[in-house]
Amino acid sequence: MALVFFLSSQSDPLPQLTAAIWDKALHCVEFAGLAVLLGRAFLGDGRSRGRAFLAAVVVASLYAASDEIHQIWVEGREPAFADWVAGSIGAIGGAALYVLAVTFGESDRRG
């Protein structure tokens, strides 16, 4: 979350990367990664897989919204609804991939 905030605080973060890759794809990857970490934290905190998935998606999506609001005050940046949607889609994908990986990992250990 700190990395997202730091990058969002800059007028033109990682210009070579953002010139080469569609910004919506970057939002998806950024918030997918956050959702994976959140899913791991929530699952490790004793929540069920379903609740960990839901909590990771909600928190990552809300953080994506707050990231867009934060950009109101950053020179050269502006909030975009489409960026929030891309971040939320990434959050859903990242949380789903994490929960699936945990599920398949458990089934492999059982044999």
N, C-alpha and C. Protein backbone atom coordinates (compact mmCIF):
# COMPACT_ATOMS: atom_id res chain seq x y z
N MET A 1 0.83 -1.19 0.00
CA MET A 1 0.00 0.00 0.00
C MET A 1 0.88 1.25 0.00
N ALA A 2 1.99 1.18 0.73
CA ALA A 2 2.90 2.32 0.76
C ALA A 2 3.50 2.56 -0.63
N LEU A 3 3.83 1.48 -1.34
CA LEU A 3 4.39 1.63 -2.68
C LEU A 3 3.37 2.27 -3.63
N VAL A 4 2.12 1.83 -3.55
CA VAL A 4 1.06 2.42 -4.37
C VAL A 4 0.94 3.91 -4.05
N PHE A 5 0.92 4.25 -2.78
CA PHE A 5 0.80 5.66 -2.38
C PHE A 5 1.99 6.47 -2.89
N PHE A 6 3.19 5.91 -2.74
CA PHE A 6 4.40 6.60 -3.19
C PHE A 6 4.34 6.87 -4.70
N LEU A 7 4.03 5.85 -5.48
CA LEU A 7 3.98 6.03 -6.93
C LEU A 7 2.86 6.99 -7.33
N SER A 8 1.75 6.92 -6.63
CA SER A 8 0.62 7.79 -6.93
C SER A 8 0.89 9.24 -6.56
N SER A 9 1.88 9.47 -5.72
CA SER A 9 2.23 10.82 -5.29
C SER A 9 3.13 11.54 -6.29
N GLN A 10 3.59 10.82 -7.31
CA GLN A 10 4.49 11.41 -8.30
C GLN A 10 3.72 11.83 -9.54
N SER A 11 4.18 12.90 -10.16
CA SER A 11 3.51 13.41 -11.36
C SER A 11 3.58 12.43 -12.52
N ASP A 12 4.72 11.80 -12.69
CA ASP A 12 4.90 10.87 -13.81
C ASP A 12 5.79 9.71 -13.36
N PRO A 13 5.20 8.78 -12.58
CA PRO A 13 6.01 7.67 -12.09
C PRO A 13 6.35 6.68 -13.20
N LEU A 14 7.56 6.19 -13.19
CA LEU A 14 8.01 5.16 -14.13
C LEU A 14 7.62 5.47 -15.58
N PRO A 15 8.07 6.59 -16.13
CA PRO A 15 7.62 7.03 -17.46
C PRO A 15 7.90 6.03 -18.58
N GLN A 16 9.02 5.33 -18.54
CA GLN A 16 9.32 4.36 -19.61
C GLN A 16 8.35 3.19 -19.55
N LEU A 17 8.01 2.74 -18.34
CA LEU A 17 7.07 1.63 -18.19
C LEU A 17 5.67 2.04 -18.63
N THR A 18 5.23 3.21 -18.19
CA THR A 18 3.87 3.65 -18.54
C THR A 18 3.74 4.00 -20.01
N ALA A 19 4.85 4.32 -20.67
CA ALA A 19 4.80 4.58 -22.11
C ALA A 19 4.69 3.27 -22.90
N ALA A 20 5.21 2.19 -22.32
CA ALA A 20 5.25 0.91 -23.04
C ALA A 20 4.05 0.01 -22.76
N ILE A 21 3.40 0.19 -21.61
CA ILE A 21 2.31 -0.71 -21.21
C ILE A 21 1.06 0.11 -20.93
N TRP A 22 -0.07 -0.39 -21.40
CA TRP A 22 -1.37 0.25 -21.19
C TRP A 22 -1.59 0.48 -19.69
N ASP A 23 -1.96 1.68 -19.31
CA ASP A 23 -2.06 2.02 -17.88
C ASP A 23 -3.12 1.19 -17.16
N LYS A 24 -4.16 0.77 -17.84
CA LYS A 24 -5.20 -0.05 -17.18
C LYS A 24 -4.63 -1.42 -16.82
N ALA A 25 -3.76 -1.96 -17.66
CA ALA A 25 -3.10 -3.24 -17.36
C ALA A 25 -2.21 -3.07 -16.13
N LEU A 26 -1.53 -1.93 -16.04
CA LEU A 26 -0.68 -1.68 -14.87
C LEU A 26 -1.52 -1.59 -13.60
N HIS A 27 -2.69 -0.95 -13.68
CA HIS A 27 -3.59 -0.88 -12.53
C HIS A 27 -4.04 -2.28 -12.12
N CYS A 28 -4.37 -3.11 -13.09
CA CYS A 28 -4.80 -4.49 -12.80
C CYS A 28 -3.70 -5.24 -12.06
N VAL A 29 -2.50 -5.18 -12.58
CA VAL A 29 -1.38 -5.91 -11.96
C VAL A 29 -1.07 -5.37 -10.57
N GLU A 30 -1.08 -4.05 -10.45
CA GLU A 30 -0.78 -3.40 -9.17
C GLU A 30 -1.74 -3.86 -8.07
N PHE A 31 -3.03 -3.83 -8.37
CA PHE A 31 -4.01 -4.18 -7.35
C PHE A 31 -4.25 -5.68 -7.24
N ALA A 32 -3.88 -6.45 -8.26
CA ALA A 32 -3.87 -7.91 -8.13
C ALA A 32 -2.82 -8.31 -7.11
N GLY A 33 -1.64 -7.69 -7.22
CA GLY A 33 -0.59 -7.98 -6.25
C GLY A 33 -1.00 -7.62 -4.83
N LEU A 34 -1.63 -6.48 -4.68
CA LEU A 34 -2.12 -6.07 -3.36
C LEU A 34 -3.14 -7.07 -2.84
N ALA A 35 -4.05 -7.51 -3.69
CA ALA A 35 -5.09 -8.45 -3.26
C ALA A 35 -4.49 -9.81 -2.86
N VAL A 36 -3.44 -10.24 -3.56
CA VAL A 36 -2.76 -11.49 -3.17
C VAL A 36 -2.21 -11.34 -1.76
N LEU A 37 -1.52 -10.24 -1.50
CA LEU A 37 -0.96 -10.03 -0.16
C LEU A 37 -2.05 -9.92 0.90
N LEU A 38 -3.12 -9.22 0.57
CA LEU A 38 -4.23 -9.10 1.52
C LEU A 38 -4.91 -10.45 1.75
N GLY A 39 -5.10 -11.22 0.68
CA GLY A 39 -5.70 -12.54 0.82
C GLY A 39 -4.86 -13.42 1.73
N ARG A 40 -3.55 -13.37 1.55
CA ARG A 40 -2.65 -14.15 2.40
C ARG A 40 -2.78 -13.72 3.86
N ALA A 41 -2.84 -12.42 4.07
CA ALA A 41 -2.97 -11.89 5.44
C ALA A 41 -4.30 -12.31 6.06
N PHE A 42 -5.38 -12.17 5.32
CA PHE A 42 -6.69 -12.50 5.87
C PHE A 42 -6.85 -14.00 6.09
N LEU A 43 -6.32 -14.82 5.19
CA LEU A 43 -6.39 -16.26 5.36
C LEU A 43 -5.53 -16.69 6.55
N GLY A 44 -4.36 -16.08 6.69
CA GLY A 44 -3.49 -16.39 7.81
C GLY A 44 -4.06 -15.93 9.15
N ASP A 45 -5.00 -15.02 9.08
CA ASP A 45 -5.65 -14.51 10.29
C ASP A 45 -6.80 -15.41 10.73
N GLY A 46 -6.99 -16.52 10.03
CA GLY A 46 -8.00 -17.49 10.43
C GLY A 46 -9.34 -17.40 9.71
N ARG A 47 -9.44 -16.54 8.72
CA ARG A 47 -10.70 -16.45 7.97
C ARG A 47 -10.82 -17.62 7.00
N SER A 48 -12.03 -17.94 6.64
CA SER A 48 -12.25 -18.96 5.62
C SER A 48 -11.77 -18.43 4.27
N ARG A 49 -11.59 -19.32 3.32
CA ARG A 49 -11.14 -18.88 1.99
C ARG A 49 -12.11 -17.87 1.38
N GLY A 50 -13.40 -18.12 1.51
CA GLY A 50 -14.40 -17.20 0.95
C GLY A 50 -14.34 -15.83 1.59
N ARG A 51 -14.23 -15.81 2.91
CA ARG A 51 -14.16 -14.52 3.62
C ARG A 51 -12.84 -13.81 3.33
N ALA A 52 -11.75 -14.57 3.22
CA ALA A 52 -10.45 -13.96 2.89
C ALA A 52 -10.50 -13.35 1.50
N PHE A 53 -11.11 -14.08 0.55
CA PHE A 53 -11.27 -13.57 -0.81
C PHE A 53 -12.05 -12.26 -0.80
N LEU A 54 -13.21 -12.29 -0.16
CA LEU A 54 -14.08 -11.11 -0.14
C LEU A 54 -13.40 -9.93 0.55
N ALA A 55 -12.76 -10.16 1.67
CA ALA A 55 -12.09 -9.08 2.39
C ALA A 55 -10.95 -8.50 1.55
N ALA A 56 -10.19 -9.36 0.88
CA ALA A 56 -9.08 -8.88 0.04
C ALA A 56 -9.60 -8.01 -1.10
N VAL A 57 -10.68 -8.46 -1.73
CA VAL A 57 -11.25 -7.69 -2.85
C VAL A 57 -11.79 -6.34 -2.36
N VAL A 58 -12.52 -6.36 -1.27
CA VAL A 58 -13.12 -5.11 -0.76
C VAL A 58 -12.03 -4.12 -0.36
N VAL A 59 -11.04 -4.58 0.40
CA VAL A 59 -9.99 -3.67 0.86
C VAL A 59 -9.17 -3.14 -0.32
N ALA A 60 -8.79 -4.02 -1.24
CA ALA A 60 -8.00 -3.57 -2.40
C ALA A 60 -8.81 -2.61 -3.28
N SER A 61 -10.08 -2.89 -3.47
CA SER A 61 -10.92 -2.01 -4.29
C SER A 61 -11.11 -0.65 -3.62
N LEU A 62 -11.33 -0.66 -2.32
CA LEU A 62 -11.45 0.61 -1.60
C LEU A 62 -10.13 1.39 -1.65
N TYR A 63 -9.01 0.67 -1.58
CA TYR A 63 -7.73 1.35 -1.66
C TYR A 63 -7.51 1.92 -3.07
N ALA A 64 -7.98 1.19 -4.09
CA ALA A 64 -7.90 1.71 -5.46
C ALA A 64 -8.71 2.99 -5.58
N ALA A 65 -9.88 3.04 -4.95
CA ALA A 65 -10.70 4.25 -4.97
C ALA A 65 -9.99 5.39 -4.24
N SER A 66 -9.40 5.08 -3.09
CA SER A 66 -8.70 6.13 -2.34
C SER A 66 -7.47 6.62 -3.11
N ASP A 67 -6.86 5.73 -3.88
CA ASP A 67 -5.72 6.12 -4.72
C ASP A 67 -6.15 7.15 -5.76
N GLU A 68 -7.30 6.93 -6.36
CA GLU A 68 -7.79 7.88 -7.36
C GLU A 68 -8.15 9.21 -6.70
N ILE A 69 -8.75 9.17 -5.53
CA ILE A 69 -9.08 10.41 -4.81
C ILE A 69 -7.79 11.15 -4.44
N HIS A 70 -6.79 10.42 -4.00
CA HIS A 70 -5.49 11.01 -3.63
C HIS A 70 -4.91 11.81 -4.80
N GLN A 71 -5.13 11.34 -6.01
CA GLN A 71 -4.54 11.99 -7.18
C GLN A 71 -5.13 13.37 -7.47
N ILE A 72 -6.22 13.71 -6.82
CA ILE A 72 -6.78 15.06 -6.96
C ILE A 72 -5.75 16.11 -6.57
N TRP A 73 -4.94 15.79 -5.55
CA TRP A 73 -3.99 16.75 -4.99
C TRP A 73 -2.57 16.61 -5.55
N VAL A 74 -2.38 15.74 -6.52
CA VAL A 74 -1.05 15.54 -7.10
C VAL A 74 -0.97 16.26 -8.44
N GLU A 75 -0.03 17.19 -8.54
CA GLU A 75 0.14 17.94 -9.77
C GLU A 75 0.45 17.00 -10.93
N GLY A 76 -0.25 17.20 -12.04
CA GLY A 76 -0.04 16.37 -13.22
C GLY A 76 -0.83 15.06 -13.21
N ARG A 77 -1.59 14.81 -12.16
CA ARG A 77 -2.39 13.58 -12.07
C ARG A 77 -3.85 13.97 -11.93
N GLU A 78 -4.71 13.07 -12.30
CA GLU A 78 -6.14 13.29 -12.10
C GLU A 78 -6.80 11.94 -11.86
N PRO A 79 -7.86 11.94 -11.06
CA PRO A 79 -8.56 10.68 -10.80
C PRO A 79 -9.32 10.22 -12.04
N ALA A 80 -9.44 8.90 -12.17
CA ALA A 80 -10.18 8.34 -13.30
C ALA A 80 -10.98 7.13 -12.83
N PHE A 81 -12.27 7.17 -13.11
CA PHE A 81 -13.15 6.06 -12.76
C PHE A 81 -12.66 4.76 -13.40
N ALA A 82 -12.21 4.84 -14.65
CA ALA A 82 -11.73 3.65 -15.36
C ALA A 82 -10.51 3.04 -14.67
N ASP A 83 -9.67 3.86 -14.06
CA ASP A 83 -8.52 3.34 -13.32
C ASP A 83 -8.98 2.57 -12.08
N TRP A 84 -10.01 3.09 -11.40
CA TRP A 84 -10.56 2.37 -10.25
C TRP A 84 -11.15 1.04 -10.69
N VAL A 85 -11.88 1.03 -11.80
CA VAL A 85 -12.45 -0.22 -12.31
C VAL A 85 -11.34 -1.22 -12.63
N ALA A 86 -10.29 -0.76 -13.31
CA ALA A 86 -9.16 -1.64 -13.64
C ALA A 86 -8.51 -2.18 -12.38
N GLY A 87 -8.33 -1.34 -11.38
CA GLY A 87 -7.76 -1.80 -10.12
C GLY A 87 -8.65 -2.81 -9.42
N SER A 88 -9.94 -2.59 -9.46
CA SER A 88 -10.89 -3.51 -8.83
C SER A 88 -10.93 -4.85 -9.55
N ILE A 89 -10.87 -4.82 -10.87
CA ILE A 89 -10.82 -6.07 -11.64
C ILE A 89 -9.54 -6.83 -11.29
N GLY A 90 -8.43 -6.11 -11.19
CA GLY A 90 -7.18 -6.73 -10.79
C GLY A 90 -7.28 -7.33 -9.39
N ALA A 91 -7.94 -6.64 -8.48
CA ALA A 91 -8.12 -7.14 -7.12
C ALA A 91 -8.91 -8.45 -7.11
N ILE A 92 -9.96 -8.50 -7.90
CA ILE A 92 -10.76 -9.74 -7.99
C ILE A 92 -9.89 -10.87 -8.53
N GLY A 93 -9.16 -10.59 -9.59
CA GLY A 93 -8.30 -11.62 -10.18
C GLY A 93 -7.20 -12.08 -9.24
N GLY A 94 -6.54 -11.14 -8.59
CA GLY A 94 -5.46 -11.50 -7.67
C GLY A 94 -5.95 -12.31 -6.49
N ALA A 95 -7.07 -11.90 -5.89
CA ALA A 95 -7.62 -12.63 -4.75
C ALA A 95 -8.08 -14.02 -5.18
N ALA A 96 -8.69 -14.12 -6.35
CA ALA A 96 -9.15 -15.42 -6.86
C ALA A 96 -7.96 -16.34 -7.12
N LEU A 97 -6.91 -15.82 -7.74
CA LEU A 97 -5.72 -16.64 -8.00
C LEU A 97 -5.10 -17.13 -6.71
N TYR A 98 -5.04 -16.27 -5.71
CA TYR A 98 -4.45 -16.68 -4.44
C TYR A 98 -5.28 -17.79 -3.78
N VAL A 99 -6.59 -17.60 -3.72
CA VAL A 99 -7.45 -18.60 -3.09
C VAL A 99 -7.39 -19.92 -3.86
N LEU A 100 -7.36 -19.86 -5.19
CA LEU A 100 -7.23 -21.09 -5.98
C LEU A 100 -5.89 -21.77 -5.72
N ALA A 101 -4.83 -21.01 -5.63
CA ALA A 101 -3.51 -21.58 -5.37
C ALA A 101 -3.49 -22.27 -4.01
N VAL A 102 -4.09 -21.65 -3.01
CA VAL A 102 -4.15 -22.26 -1.68
C VAL A 102 -4.99 -23.53 -1.73
N THR A 103 -6.10 -23.48 -2.42
CA THR A 103 -6.99 -24.64 -2.51
C THR A 103 -6.29 -25.81 -3.20
N PHE A 104 -5.65 -25.55 -4.34
CA PHE A 104 -4.95 -26.62 -5.04
C PHE A 104 -3.73 -27.08 -4.28
N GLY A 105 -3.08 -26.19 -3.57
CA GLY A 105 -1.93 -26.57 -2.74
C GLY A 105 -2.32 -27.52 -1.64
N GLU A 106 -3.48 -27.28 -1.04
CA GLU A 106 -3.98 -28.17 0.01
C GLU A 106 -4.36 -29.54 -0.55
N SER A 107 -4.97 -29.55 -1.74
CA SER A 107 -5.38 -30.83 -2.33
C SER A 107 -4.17 -31.65 -2.75
N ASP A 108 -3.08 -30.99 -3.16
CA ASP A 108 -1.85 -31.70 -3.53
C ASP A 108 -1.20 -32.34 -2.30
N ARG A 109 -1.26 -31.68 -1.16
CA ARG A 109 -0.66 -32.23 0.05
C ARG A 109 -1.43 -33.43 0.57
N ARG A 110 -2.73 -33.45 0.29
CA ARG A 110 -3.55 -34.59 0.74
C ARG A 110 -3.32 -35.83 -0.12
N GLY A 111 -2.84 -35.58 -1.35
CA GLY A 111 -2.52 -36.70 -2.23
C GLY A 111 -3.63 -37.08 -3.06
